[in-house]
Amino acid sequence: MLEVLKPLASLWHIIAFACGFLFVFQSYLALFGQVRYDRRHNRIIRYADRHLWLSGFAIIAIGLLINGPETYLSNPKLWTKVTLITIWAISTETIRGYALPRLRLGQRLPMLVAGTVSLACWIYGAFLGVAHGLAYGKAPLWALMAGFPIVLLGLSILALKLKASLALSVDNP
């Protein structure tokens, strides 16, 4: 029965990810004037966040039951995901509590920084979700964690390029 529940929980997780990522990415692009921001996305993103958390806990519970706590909890990939989710949660709360109020005052930089971190978490989290071959010690924690700053650096470069293109379009209407 658990072998059937595991792919169903994974499907639930993928659907929540896809819905959330689509709107997170659109909101991120809106910071650069690439698309129009739609406030309705906030509700969808929060709904997707909630379902990512619930489905993630379901996947962990099923993994614990199938593999046993000793095996499941010794997986470096699991702890990479936990670390990444912690960073994501902090960036989400930073967006809601600090960056969004600053954005309303016309200060975009805090939202760009927190949004870039959040988007990097979404992208690297998706990679970890499908990187089944890296589980159970096939890659050490340090190597798994090293991928996140690489993704963050790539997105930071993209953000700088988008910001520069926005500045150019504002200067040359």
Protein backbone atom coordinates (compact mmCIF):
# COMPACT_ATOMS: atom_id res chain seq x y z
CA MET A 1 0.00 0.00 0.00
CA LEU A 2 2.82 2.43 0.86
CA GLU A 3 4.45 1.72 -2.50
CA VAL A 4 1.26 3.08 -4.11
CA LEU A 5 0.97 6.07 -1.79
CA LYS A 6 4.56 7.20 -2.41
CA PRO A 7 4.10 8.03 -6.14
CA LEU A 8 0.71 9.62 -5.37
CA ALA A 9 2.31 11.85 -2.74
CA SER A 10 5.07 12.65 -5.24
CA LEU A 11 2.49 13.57 -7.89
CA TRP A 12 0.73 15.84 -5.37
CA HIS A 13 4.11 17.44 -4.62
CA ILE A 14 4.91 17.95 -8.33
CA ILE A 15 1.53 19.55 -9.02
CA ALA A 16 1.95 21.90 -6.05
CA PHE A 17 5.45 22.74 -7.24
CA ALA A 18 4.32 23.40 -10.82
CA CYS A 19 1.47 25.69 -9.75
CA GLY A 20 3.61 27.61 -7.29
CA PHE A 21 6.69 27.87 -9.50
CA LEU A 22 4.72 29.24 -12.44
CA PHE A 23 3.36 32.12 -10.39
CA VAL A 24 6.57 32.69 -8.39
CA PHE A 25 8.48 32.98 -11.66
CA GLN A 26 5.88 35.34 -13.13
CA SER A 27 6.00 37.50 -10.00
CA TYR A 28 9.79 37.55 -10.21
CA LEU A 29 9.70 38.65 -13.85
CA ALA A 30 7.21 41.38 -12.91
CA LEU A 31 9.95 42.95 -10.77
CA PHE A 32 11.80 43.61 -14.02
CA GLY A 33 8.77 44.77 -15.97
CA GLN A 34 8.87 41.66 -18.16
CA VAL A 35 5.26 40.71 -17.33
CA ARG A 36 2.42 42.47 -15.54
CA TYR A 37 2.09 41.70 -11.83
CA ASP A 38 -1.23 40.22 -10.77
CA ARG A 39 -2.15 40.31 -7.06
CA ARG A 40 -4.23 37.14 -7.50
CA HIS A 41 -0.93 35.26 -7.79
CA ASN A 42 -0.29 35.78 -4.07
CA ARG A 43 -3.21 33.55 -3.13
CA ILE A 44 -2.16 30.86 -5.60
CA ILE A 45 1.46 30.97 -4.39
CA ARG A 46 0.38 30.63 -0.75
CA TYR A 47 -1.95 27.76 -1.65
CA ALA A 48 0.88 26.05 -3.54
CA ASP A 49 3.26 26.67 -0.59
CA ARG A 50 0.81 25.01 1.76
CA HIS A 51 0.46 21.99 -0.51
CA LEU A 52 4.23 21.73 -0.98
CA TRP A 53 4.64 21.56 2.80
CA LEU A 54 1.82 19.02 3.25
CA SER A 55 2.92 16.79 0.37
CA GLY A 56 6.56 17.06 1.48
CA PHE A 57 5.64 15.88 4.97
CA ALA A 58 3.63 13.04 3.43
CA ILE A 59 6.64 12.00 1.31
CA ILE A 60 8.89 12.05 4.38
CA ALA A 61 6.39 10.04 6.46
CA ILE A 62 6.04 7.43 3.73
CA GLY A 63 9.83 7.30 3.27
CA LEU A 64 10.30 6.75 6.99
CA LEU A 65 7.76 3.92 6.96
CA ILE A 66 9.19 2.24 3.84
CA ASN A 67 12.92 2.60 4.58
CA GLY A 68 12.95 2.83 8.36
CA PRO A 69 14.08 5.86 10.34
CA GLU A 70 17.74 4.81 10.55
CA THR A 71 18.17 4.47 6.78
CA TYR A 72 15.92 7.34 5.77
CA LEU A 73 17.37 9.86 8.23
CA SER A 74 20.97 9.03 7.23
CA ASN A 75 20.35 10.22 3.65
CA PRO A 76 22.45 13.36 2.87
CA LYS A 77 19.99 14.29 0.11
CA LEU A 78 17.21 14.52 2.72
CA TRP A 79 19.28 16.90 4.85
CA THR A 80 20.15 18.98 1.79
CA LYS A 81 16.42 19.31 1.12
CA VAL A 82 15.75 20.21 4.77
CA THR A 83 18.46 22.88 4.62
CA LEU A 84 17.10 24.20 1.33
CA ILE A 85 13.53 24.29 2.65
CA THR A 86 14.75 26.19 5.71
CA ILE A 87 16.43 28.77 3.46
CA TRP A 88 13.25 28.94 1.36
CA ALA A 89 11.06 29.47 4.45
CA ILE A 90 13.35 32.27 5.65
CA SER A 91 13.31 33.91 2.22
CA THR A 92 9.51 33.63 2.06
CA GLU A 93 9.10 35.29 5.45
CA THR A 94 11.66 37.93 4.44
CA ILE A 95 9.60 38.65 1.33
CA ARG A 96 6.37 38.94 3.30
CA GLY A 97 7.68 40.81 6.32
CA TYR A 98 10.49 42.96 4.94
CA ALA A 99 10.83 43.06 1.15
CA LEU A 100 7.17 43.56 0.24
CA PRO A 101 6.69 46.60 2.51
CA ARG A 102 9.91 48.07 1.04
CA LEU A 103 8.70 47.35 -2.49
CA ARG A 104 5.51 49.29 -1.76
CA LEU A 105 7.73 52.22 -0.80
CA GLY A 106 9.54 51.98 -4.14
CA GLN A 107 12.60 50.06 -2.90
CA ARG A 108 13.05 47.08 -5.24
CA LEU A 109 16.43 45.75 -4.08
CA PRO A 110 15.22 43.84 -0.97
CA MET A 111 12.58 42.08 -3.11
CA LEU A 112 15.12 41.31 -5.83
CA VAL A 113 17.50 39.73 -3.32
CA ALA A 114 14.87 37.75 -1.40
CA GLY A 115 13.08 36.80 -4.63
CA THR A 116 16.31 35.55 -6.19
CA VAL A 117 17.04 33.39 -3.13
CA SER A 118 13.48 32.06 -3.16
CA LEU A 119 13.58 31.27 -6.87
CA ALA A 120 16.95 29.52 -6.46
CA CYS A 121 15.38 27.36 -3.74
CA TRP A 122 12.49 26.44 -6.05
CA ILE A 123 14.81 25.53 -8.92
CA TYR A 124 17.39 23.62 -6.88
CA GLY A 125 14.63 21.93 -4.90
CA ALA A 126 13.13 20.67 -8.16
CA PHE A 127 16.53 19.32 -9.16
CA LEU A 128 16.91 17.50 -5.86
CA GLY A 129 13.41 16.10 -6.22
CA VAL A 130 14.27 14.36 -9.48
CA ALA A 131 17.90 13.50 -8.68
CA HIS A 132 17.10 10.05 -7.31
CA GLY A 133 20.57 8.78 -8.21
CA LEU A 134 22.14 11.09 -5.61
CA ALA A 135 20.27 9.60 -2.65
CA TYR A 136 21.51 7.48 0.22
CA GLY A 137 25.15 8.49 0.27
CA LYS A 138 25.92 8.43 -3.43
CA ALA A 139 26.78 12.13 -3.06
CA PRO A 140 27.98 13.66 0.21
CA LEU A 141 26.12 16.51 1.88
CA TRP A 142 28.80 19.08 0.99
CA ALA A 143 28.57 18.18 -2.71
CA LEU A 144 24.78 18.34 -2.70
CA MET A 145 24.85 21.69 -0.90
CA ALA A 146 27.46 23.06 -3.34
CA GLY A 147 24.88 23.05 -6.12
CA PHE A 148 22.69 25.62 -4.41
CA PRO A 149 25.21 28.51 -4.45
CA ILE A 150 25.88 27.71 -8.10
CA VAL A 151 22.17 28.06 -8.93
CA LEU A 152 21.96 31.19 -6.77
CA LEU A 153 24.95 32.70 -8.59
CA GLY A 154 23.40 31.92 -11.99
CA LEU A 155 20.12 33.54 -10.99
CA SER A 156 21.94 36.54 -9.54
CA ILE A 157 23.70 37.05 -12.87
CA LEU A 158 20.33 36.75 -14.63
CA ALA A 159 18.83 39.29 -12.22
CA LEU A 160 21.65 41.74 -12.93
CA LYS A 161 21.12 41.33 -16.68
CA LEU A 162 17.35 41.81 -16.33
CA LYS A 163 17.91 44.84 -14.12
CA ALA A 164 20.33 46.31 -16.68
CA SER A 165 17.86 45.71 -19.51
CA LEU A 166 15.13 47.37 -17.44
CA ALA A 167 17.37 50.38 -16.87
CA LEU A 168 18.06 50.56 -20.61
CA SER A 169 14.37 50.40 -21.49
CA VAL A 170 13.53 53.12 -18.96
CA ASP A 171 16.30 55.36 -20.30
CA ASN A 172 15.35 54.72 -23.95
CA PRO A 173 11.55 54.48 -24.18
